[in-house]
Amino acid sequence: MSGANAPVRQAVILAGGQATRLRPYTDTRPKAMVEVADRPIIDYQLEWLAGHGVEHVVVSCGYKAEVLREHLEGRAGGPEITLLVEDEPLGRGGALRYAASGLRESADPYFALNGDVLTWFPLDEFTAYHRAKGGLVTLALAQYRTSWGIVDVTDDGAIEGFTQSPLLPFWINAGVYVFERAATGLLPEKGDHESSTFPDLARQGRLFGYRIDGFWRGVDTVKDVKEAGEQIPALRGTAPAV
């Protein structure tokens, strides 16, 4: 398959952060190796990508890289994996640029994932949307769910009820992207792409957002690990095979 309908065959995963808010889980392992429902986050990501035709994944890591290396080298099946180790913290934008250096030489686009994201949605639809828009980068967007409870109150102060952690009418960066190769060179060598590259692309009309309709969970705290571990068993039908 070629042209507009060709699947994206390569991806990068950013797995280099220390994740201090996930201690004690990350005292002995990097964030991507934290287990949710008895499996490391990165295993869910790799199986999701492979299920949509991804054949080669570059994993960029730093903190506790040896733990990730041992795990990935012991995996059977799945996409081919190239592991790159950051000698020093590069920031998220710098890490993306560095990870992309491990991709095969071609003009084809690639997916990029933050290493602390659990999600599954149709990547073929994501890719088609990206190509239809004709931009350089497309962000997956997740609807924002507040961790606070909402009080339903009338104008005269009568409380009618409570809603715990509702979805709000706002969208956040879900940590999953489609990048055209031309966008890689626009990333900073060090620093954060969300404060440099992305605002520049937005001003040029070359950055787009794809609202996902499916499971998404950022795993950033101990509470997230617990709650995601409770959610995933109920979603076995939509999650990657386990």
Protein backbone atom coordinates (compact mmCIF):
# COMPACT_ATOMS: atom_id res chain seq x y z
CA MET A 1 0.00 0.00 0.00
CA SER A 2 1.34 3.42 -0.85
CA GLY A 3 0.41 7.05 -1.05
CA ALA A 4 -2.38 8.61 0.96
CA ASN A 5 -3.63 5.31 2.39
CA ALA A 6 -0.26 3.88 3.44
CA PRO A 7 -0.03 3.09 7.16
CA VAL A 8 2.62 4.76 9.26
CA ARG A 9 5.32 2.12 9.82
CA GLN A 10 7.61 3.80 12.37
CA ALA A 11 7.25 5.39 15.79
CA VAL A 12 9.24 6.86 18.65
CA ILE A 13 8.50 6.49 22.36
CA LEU A 14 9.92 8.96 24.89
CA ALA A 15 10.78 6.94 27.97
CA GLY A 16 13.51 9.02 29.60
CA GLY A 17 11.89 10.84 32.52
CA GLN A 18 12.62 10.16 36.19
CA ALA A 19 8.96 10.59 37.20
CA THR A 20 9.53 11.65 40.82
CA ARG A 21 5.75 11.83 41.40
CA LEU A 22 5.52 8.10 40.69
CA ARG A 23 7.82 7.08 43.53
CA PRO A 24 8.24 4.47 44.94
CA TYR A 25 7.38 2.75 41.63
CA THR A 26 10.16 4.60 39.82
CA ASP A 27 12.84 4.09 42.47
CA THR A 28 13.98 0.99 40.57
CA ARG A 29 12.65 1.48 37.04
CA PRO A 30 11.87 4.18 34.47
CA LYS A 31 8.34 5.46 34.09
CA ALA A 32 7.60 3.38 31.00
CA MET A 33 8.33 0.21 33.00
CA VAL A 34 5.80 0.97 35.75
CA GLU A 35 3.24 -1.83 35.79
CA VAL A 36 -0.45 -1.10 35.33
CA ALA A 37 -2.76 -4.10 35.72
CA ASP A 38 0.39 -6.28 35.96
CA ARG A 39 2.00 -5.11 32.69
CA PRO A 40 4.53 -2.35 31.96
CA ILE A 41 3.12 0.73 30.26
CA ILE A 42 5.49 0.27 27.31
CA ASP A 43 4.09 -3.19 26.55
CA TYR A 44 0.62 -1.74 26.01
CA GLN A 45 2.10 0.92 23.75
CA LEU A 46 4.15 -1.49 21.64
CA GLU A 47 1.22 -3.85 21.11
CA TRP A 48 -1.10 -0.97 20.20
CA LEU A 49 1.40 0.32 17.64
CA ALA A 50 2.10 -3.14 16.20
CA GLY A 51 -1.64 -3.75 15.86
CA HIS A 52 -1.81 -0.76 13.51
CA GLY A 53 1.08 -1.75 11.26
CA VAL A 54 4.06 -0.15 13.01
CA GLU A 55 7.17 -2.21 12.26
CA HIS A 56 9.99 -0.19 13.85
CA VAL A 57 9.98 1.70 17.15
CA VAL A 58 12.75 3.89 18.53
CA VAL A 59 12.67 4.08 22.33
CA SER A 60 14.54 7.03 23.81
CA CYS A 61 15.49 6.59 27.46
CA GLY A 62 17.87 7.86 30.12
CA TYR A 63 16.96 7.19 33.75
CA LYS A 64 17.36 3.47 34.64
CA ALA A 65 17.94 2.69 30.96
CA GLU A 66 19.39 -0.73 31.77
CA VAL A 67 16.03 -1.90 33.19
CA LEU A 68 14.25 -0.93 29.99
CA ARG A 69 16.96 -2.47 27.81
CA GLU A 70 16.76 -5.82 29.62
CA HIS A 71 12.97 -5.89 29.29
CA LEU A 72 12.91 -4.97 25.61
CA GLU A 73 15.64 -7.44 24.68
CA GLY A 74 13.62 -10.18 26.37
CA ARG A 75 10.46 -9.48 24.41
CA ALA A 76 9.29 -11.98 21.78
CA GLY A 77 7.60 -10.72 18.64
CA GLY A 78 6.27 -7.24 18.03
CA PRO A 79 8.00 -4.41 16.18
CA GLU A 80 11.75 -4.10 15.76
CA ILE A 81 13.09 -1.87 18.53
CA THR A 82 16.02 0.54 18.55
CA LEU A 83 17.02 1.82 21.99
CA LEU A 84 18.71 5.21 22.27
CA VAL A 85 20.08 6.42 25.61
CA GLU A 86 20.25 10.14 26.40
CA ASP A 87 23.62 11.06 27.92
CA GLU A 88 22.00 14.09 29.53
CA PRO A 89 18.41 15.32 29.94
CA LEU A 90 17.33 16.95 26.68
CA GLY A 91 13.80 18.05 27.54
CA ARG A 92 10.79 16.66 25.73
CA GLY A 93 11.45 18.48 22.46
CA GLY A 94 15.13 17.59 22.46
CA ALA A 95 14.28 13.98 23.30
CA LEU A 96 11.87 13.84 20.35
CA ARG A 97 14.50 15.16 17.99
CA TYR A 98 17.09 12.73 19.35
CA ALA A 99 14.72 9.77 19.12
CA ALA A 100 13.84 10.60 15.52
CA SER A 101 17.52 10.30 14.63
CA GLY A 102 17.15 6.56 15.14
CA LEU A 103 14.44 6.19 12.50
CA ARG A 104 15.21 4.68 9.13
CA GLU A 105 16.07 7.04 6.31
CA SER A 106 12.88 7.89 4.42
CA ALA A 107 10.46 10.74 3.85
CA ASP A 108 7.62 8.90 5.59
CA PRO A 109 5.86 10.30 8.66
CA TYR A 110 6.12 8.69 12.09
CA PHE A 111 4.14 8.44 15.30
CA ALA A 112 5.52 9.83 18.56
CA LEU A 113 4.31 8.84 22.03
CA ASN A 114 5.07 10.02 25.52
CA GLY A 115 6.16 7.05 27.61
CA ASP A 116 3.55 7.65 30.33
CA VAL A 117 0.40 7.38 28.19
CA LEU A 118 -2.08 4.52 28.10
CA THR A 119 -4.47 4.83 25.19
CA TRP A 120 -5.95 3.06 22.23
CA PHE A 121 -7.84 4.59 19.36
CA PRO A 122 -7.77 3.95 15.57
CA LEU A 123 -4.36 5.09 14.38
CA ASP A 124 -5.43 4.64 10.76
CA GLU A 125 -8.13 7.29 11.26
CA PHE A 126 -5.63 9.51 13.05
CA THR A 127 -3.25 9.18 10.10
CA ALA A 128 -5.97 9.87 7.53
CA TYR A 129 -7.02 13.00 9.42
CA HIS A 130 -3.40 14.19 9.54
CA ARG A 131 -2.94 13.73 5.80
CA ALA A 132 -6.25 15.40 4.97
CA LYS A 133 -5.22 18.50 6.95
CA GLY A 134 -1.84 18.71 5.25
CA GLY A 135 0.04 20.02 8.28
CA LEU A 136 3.45 19.10 9.64
CA VAL A 137 2.28 17.76 13.01
CA THR A 138 -1.05 16.51 14.33
CA LEU A 139 -1.67 16.12 18.06
CA ALA A 140 -4.10 13.63 19.51
CA LEU A 141 -6.36 15.49 21.96
CA ALA A 142 -8.07 13.96 24.98
CA GLN A 143 -11.06 15.53 26.67
CA TYR A 144 -10.09 16.94 30.05
CA ARG A 145 -11.41 15.13 33.09
CA THR A 146 -11.08 17.09 36.31
CA SER A 147 -9.90 15.35 39.45
CA TRP A 148 -12.27 17.54 41.46
CA GLY A 149 -15.92 16.92 42.12
CA ILE A 150 -18.41 19.38 40.63
CA VAL A 151 -21.27 20.84 42.68
CA ASP A 152 -24.53 21.41 40.77
CA VAL A 153 -25.94 24.59 42.27
CA THR A 154 -28.82 26.85 41.22
CA ASP A 155 -28.62 30.64 40.93
CA ASP A 156 -30.24 31.05 44.35
CA GLY A 157 -27.70 28.74 46.01
CA ALA A 158 -29.69 25.49 46.27
CA ILE A 159 -27.45 22.46 45.77
CA GLU A 160 -29.04 19.90 43.46
CA GLY A 161 -26.31 17.27 43.43
CA PHE A 162 -22.69 16.35 42.92
CA THR A 163 -20.71 14.96 39.97
CA GLN A 164 -17.40 13.30 40.67
CA SER A 165 -14.53 13.91 38.21
CA PRO A 166 -16.62 14.87 35.15
CA LEU A 167 -15.33 15.45 31.63
CA LEU A 168 -15.11 19.18 30.92
CA PRO A 169 -15.49 20.94 27.54
CA PHE A 170 -11.74 21.37 27.12
CA TRP A 171 -9.10 19.36 25.25
CA ILE A 172 -5.55 18.54 26.35
CA ASN A 173 -2.47 17.24 24.57
CA ALA A 174 -2.79 13.46 24.79
CA GLY A 175 0.93 12.83 24.20
CA VAL A 176 0.44 11.03 20.85
CA TYR A 177 1.48 12.69 17.59
CA VAL A 178 1.95 12.21 13.86
CA PHE A 179 5.09 13.97 12.64
CA GLU A 180 6.12 14.67 9.09
CA ARG A 181 9.87 14.25 8.66
CA ALA A 182 10.20 17.94 7.80
CA ALA A 183 9.03 18.81 11.32
CA THR A 184 11.88 16.96 13.03
CA GLY A 185 14.46 19.63 12.20
CA LEU A 186 12.20 22.27 13.73
CA LEU A 187 12.40 20.65 17.17
CA PRO A 188 14.83 22.12 19.70
CA GLU A 189 18.06 20.26 20.43
CA LYS A 190 17.28 20.91 24.08
CA GLY A 191 14.08 22.11 25.65
CA ASP A 192 10.34 21.76 25.28
CA HIS A 193 8.61 21.67 21.90
CA GLU A 194 5.33 22.90 23.43
CA SER A 195 6.87 26.28 24.18
CA SER A 196 8.81 26.64 20.92
CA THR A 197 8.11 24.43 17.91
CA PHE A 198 4.38 23.91 18.41
CA PRO A 199 3.47 27.60 18.89
CA ASP A 200 5.48 28.45 15.77
CA LEU A 201 3.70 25.77 13.73
CA ALA A 202 0.33 26.90 15.08
CA ARG A 203 0.98 30.48 13.93
CA GLN A 204 1.84 29.13 10.48
CA GLY A 205 -1.35 27.04 10.31
CA ARG A 206 0.65 23.80 10.13
CA LEU A 207 -0.39 22.24 13.47
CA PHE A 208 -3.67 20.37 13.92
CA GLY A 209 -5.53 18.54 16.66
CA TYR A 210 -7.40 15.24 16.40
CA ARG A 211 -10.01 14.66 19.12
CA ILE A 212 -9.80 11.04 20.18
CA ASP A 213 -12.84 9.02 21.14
CA GLY A 214 -11.49 6.12 23.14
CA PHE A 215 -9.65 5.20 26.30
CA TRP A 216 -6.88 7.58 27.33
CA ARG A 217 -5.04 7.87 30.59
CA GLY A 218 -1.88 9.73 31.50
CA VAL A 219 0.06 7.90 34.22
CA ASP A 220 1.80 10.59 36.21
CA THR A 221 1.11 9.81 39.87
CA VAL A 222 0.65 6.83 42.17
CA LYS A 223 -3.09 7.57 42.08
CA ASP A 224 -3.05 7.28 38.28
CA VAL A 225 -1.43 3.83 38.48
CA LYS A 226 -4.12 2.61 40.85
CA GLU A 227 -7.04 4.07 38.92
CA ALA A 228 -5.76 2.95 35.50
CA GLY A 229 -5.22 -0.52 36.94
CA GLU A 230 -8.90 -0.60 37.88
CA GLN A 231 -10.05 0.74 34.49
CA ILE A 232 -8.10 -1.52 32.17
CA PRO A 233 -9.56 -4.91 33.22
CA ALA A 234 -13.01 -3.51 32.37
CA LEU A 235 -11.76 -2.50 28.91
CA ARG A 236 -10.24 -5.82 27.81
CA GLY A 237 -12.34 -5.82 24.66
CA THR A 238 -10.86 -2.55 23.43
CA ALA A 239 -7.34 -2.83 24.83
CA PRO A 240 -4.40 -4.50 23.07
CA ALA A 241 -4.24 -8.25 23.60
CA VAL A 242 -2.90 -9.25 26.99
